[in-house]
Amino acid sequence: MVLNHGAAPATPTSRFERLTNEGPRLCRGIVTPGGKPAVYKTTTAGKKWTRQDKGLPAEQGWFTVYRQAFTGDAGKPVGLYFGTTGGEVWTSRDEGESWKQIASHLPRVHAVECAE
């Protein structure tokens, strides 16, 4: 999933794609392959993608993230947020360079929104 709803990207061509470890691709409700989640970022309109996984589980991270459960804010730098069907919420305050879990043991997260 490409993040482009309501978030002001760092550059006009910045895009973020949700969790996968097989490179960027459009996906809907898949579990992270190999249990190694990551978010991918492009600033070249999809010609080159950068894997961003610092702070995410290095193994056994069996996440499923619904399309509506990944969003960003209009901050500079852009803050990113996603929720999992396992009841976790993760955030990055530096455009995906690093991630931190901010909630756990919640019910399944169907959607995440930013209020500013």
Protein backbone atom coordinates (compact mmCIF):
# COMPACT_ATOMS: atom_id res chain seq x y z
CA MET A 1 0.00 0.00 0.00
CA VAL A 2 1.30 3.40 -0.88
CA LEU A 3 0.85 6.05 1.76
CA ASN A 4 -0.59 9.12 0.11
CA HIS A 5 -3.80 9.92 1.96
CA GLY A 6 -3.53 13.13 3.92
CA ALA A 7 0.18 12.93 4.69
CA ALA A 8 2.51 15.61 3.40
CA PRO A 9 5.48 13.66 2.04
CA ALA A 10 9.03 14.74 2.78
CA THR A 11 9.50 15.39 -0.91
CA PRO A 12 6.86 15.51 -3.64
CA THR A 13 7.85 12.00 -4.72
CA SER A 14 8.21 10.29 -1.32
CA ARG A 15 6.01 7.25 -0.96
CA PHE A 16 5.85 4.59 1.72
CA GLU A 17 4.65 1.04 1.31
CA ARG A 18 3.59 -1.15 4.15
CA LEU A 19 5.16 -4.22 5.59
CA THR A 20 6.76 -6.93 3.54
CA ASN A 21 10.20 -8.44 3.33
CA GLU A 22 10.07 -9.27 -0.37
CA GLY A 23 10.40 -5.72 -1.62
CA PRO A 24 7.74 -3.16 -2.42
CA ARG A 25 4.49 -4.37 -3.91
CA LEU A 26 0.83 -3.68 -3.51
CA CYS A 27 -0.68 -6.07 -1.03
CA ARG A 28 -3.82 -6.49 0.99
CA GLY A 29 -3.86 -8.10 4.41
CA ILE A 30 -0.84 -10.36 4.01
CA VAL A 31 1.32 -11.66 6.82
CA THR A 32 4.92 -10.46 6.69
CA PRO A 33 6.86 -13.16 4.82
CA GLY A 34 9.53 -14.84 6.91
CA GLY A 35 8.40 -12.92 9.99
CA LYS A 36 10.71 -9.99 9.13
CA PRO A 37 8.55 -6.86 8.74
CA ALA A 38 9.70 -3.67 7.04
CA VAL A 39 8.34 -0.54 5.42
CA TYR A 40 9.72 0.50 2.06
CA LYS A 41 10.29 4.09 0.95
CA THR A 42 10.90 5.59 -2.47
CA THR A 43 11.86 9.11 -3.43
CA THR A 44 12.37 8.21 -7.09
CA ALA A 45 8.77 7.45 -8.11
CA GLY A 46 9.31 3.73 -7.55
CA LYS A 47 12.60 3.28 -9.42
CA LYS A 48 14.50 2.57 -6.19
CA TRP A 49 13.12 1.46 -2.82
CA THR A 50 14.79 1.56 0.59
CA ARG A 51 13.98 -1.04 3.24
CA GLN A 52 13.27 0.56 6.64
CA ASP A 53 13.10 -1.88 9.55
CA LYS A 54 15.19 -0.44 12.41
CA GLY A 55 13.29 -1.11 15.64
CA LEU A 56 10.90 -3.64 14.07
CA PRO A 57 11.28 -7.30 15.05
CA ALA A 58 14.26 -8.93 13.34
CA GLU A 59 12.46 -12.29 13.50
CA GLN A 60 9.11 -13.71 14.53
CA GLY A 61 7.33 -10.48 13.53
CA TRP A 62 4.26 -12.08 12.00
CA PHE A 63 2.33 -8.86 11.28
CA THR A 64 -0.80 -8.37 9.25
CA VAL A 65 -1.60 -4.73 8.55
CA TYR A 66 -4.87 -3.70 6.95
CA ARG A 67 -4.79 -0.99 4.30
CA GLN A 68 -6.60 1.49 6.57
CA ALA A 69 -4.23 0.76 9.47
CA PHE A 70 -1.19 2.51 7.92
CA THR A 71 -1.09 6.30 7.83
CA GLY A 72 1.11 9.35 8.16
CA ASP A 73 0.88 12.86 9.50
CA ALA A 74 1.70 16.25 7.99
CA GLY A 75 4.75 16.80 10.21
CA LYS A 76 8.26 17.60 9.12
CA PRO A 77 9.64 15.02 9.15
CA VAL A 78 6.60 12.91 8.34
CA GLY A 79 5.42 10.66 11.18
CA LEU A 80 4.23 7.20 10.17
CA TYR A 81 1.88 4.91 12.09
CA PHE A 82 0.52 1.41 11.63
CA GLY A 83 -1.57 -1.02 13.62
CA THR A 84 -1.55 -4.81 13.38
CA THR A 85 -4.22 -7.45 13.62
CA GLY A 86 -2.29 -8.71 16.66
CA GLY A 87 -3.19 -5.51 18.53
CA GLU A 88 0.06 -3.56 18.28
CA VAL A 89 0.58 0.05 17.17
CA TRP A 90 3.96 1.16 15.82
CA THR A 91 5.24 4.65 15.02
CA SER A 92 8.14 6.32 13.28
CA ARG A 93 8.77 10.02 13.91
CA ASP A 94 11.56 10.15 11.31
CA GLU A 95 9.94 9.05 8.04
CA GLY A 96 10.50 5.35 8.71
CA GLU A 97 14.20 5.51 9.61
CA SER A 98 13.39 3.92 12.99
CA TRP A 99 10.29 2.34 14.55
CA LYS A 100 8.92 2.09 18.08
CA GLN A 101 6.00 0.09 19.43
CA ILE A 102 3.66 2.47 21.29
CA ALA A 103 0.81 0.10 22.16
CA SER A 104 0.27 -3.63 22.54
CA HIS A 105 -2.35 -6.10 23.76
CA LEU A 106 -5.13 -4.18 21.96
CA PRO A 107 -7.92 -5.78 19.99
CA ARG A 108 -7.33 -6.19 16.26
CA VAL A 109 -6.44 -2.77 14.78
CA HIS A 110 -8.60 -2.11 11.73
CA ALA A 111 -7.69 1.54 11.12
CA VAL A 112 -5.26 4.22 12.26
CA GLU A 113 -5.86 7.96 11.78
CA CYS A 114 -3.85 11.05 12.72
CA ALA A 115 -5.43 14.01 14.48
CA GLU A 116 -3.57 17.26 14.33
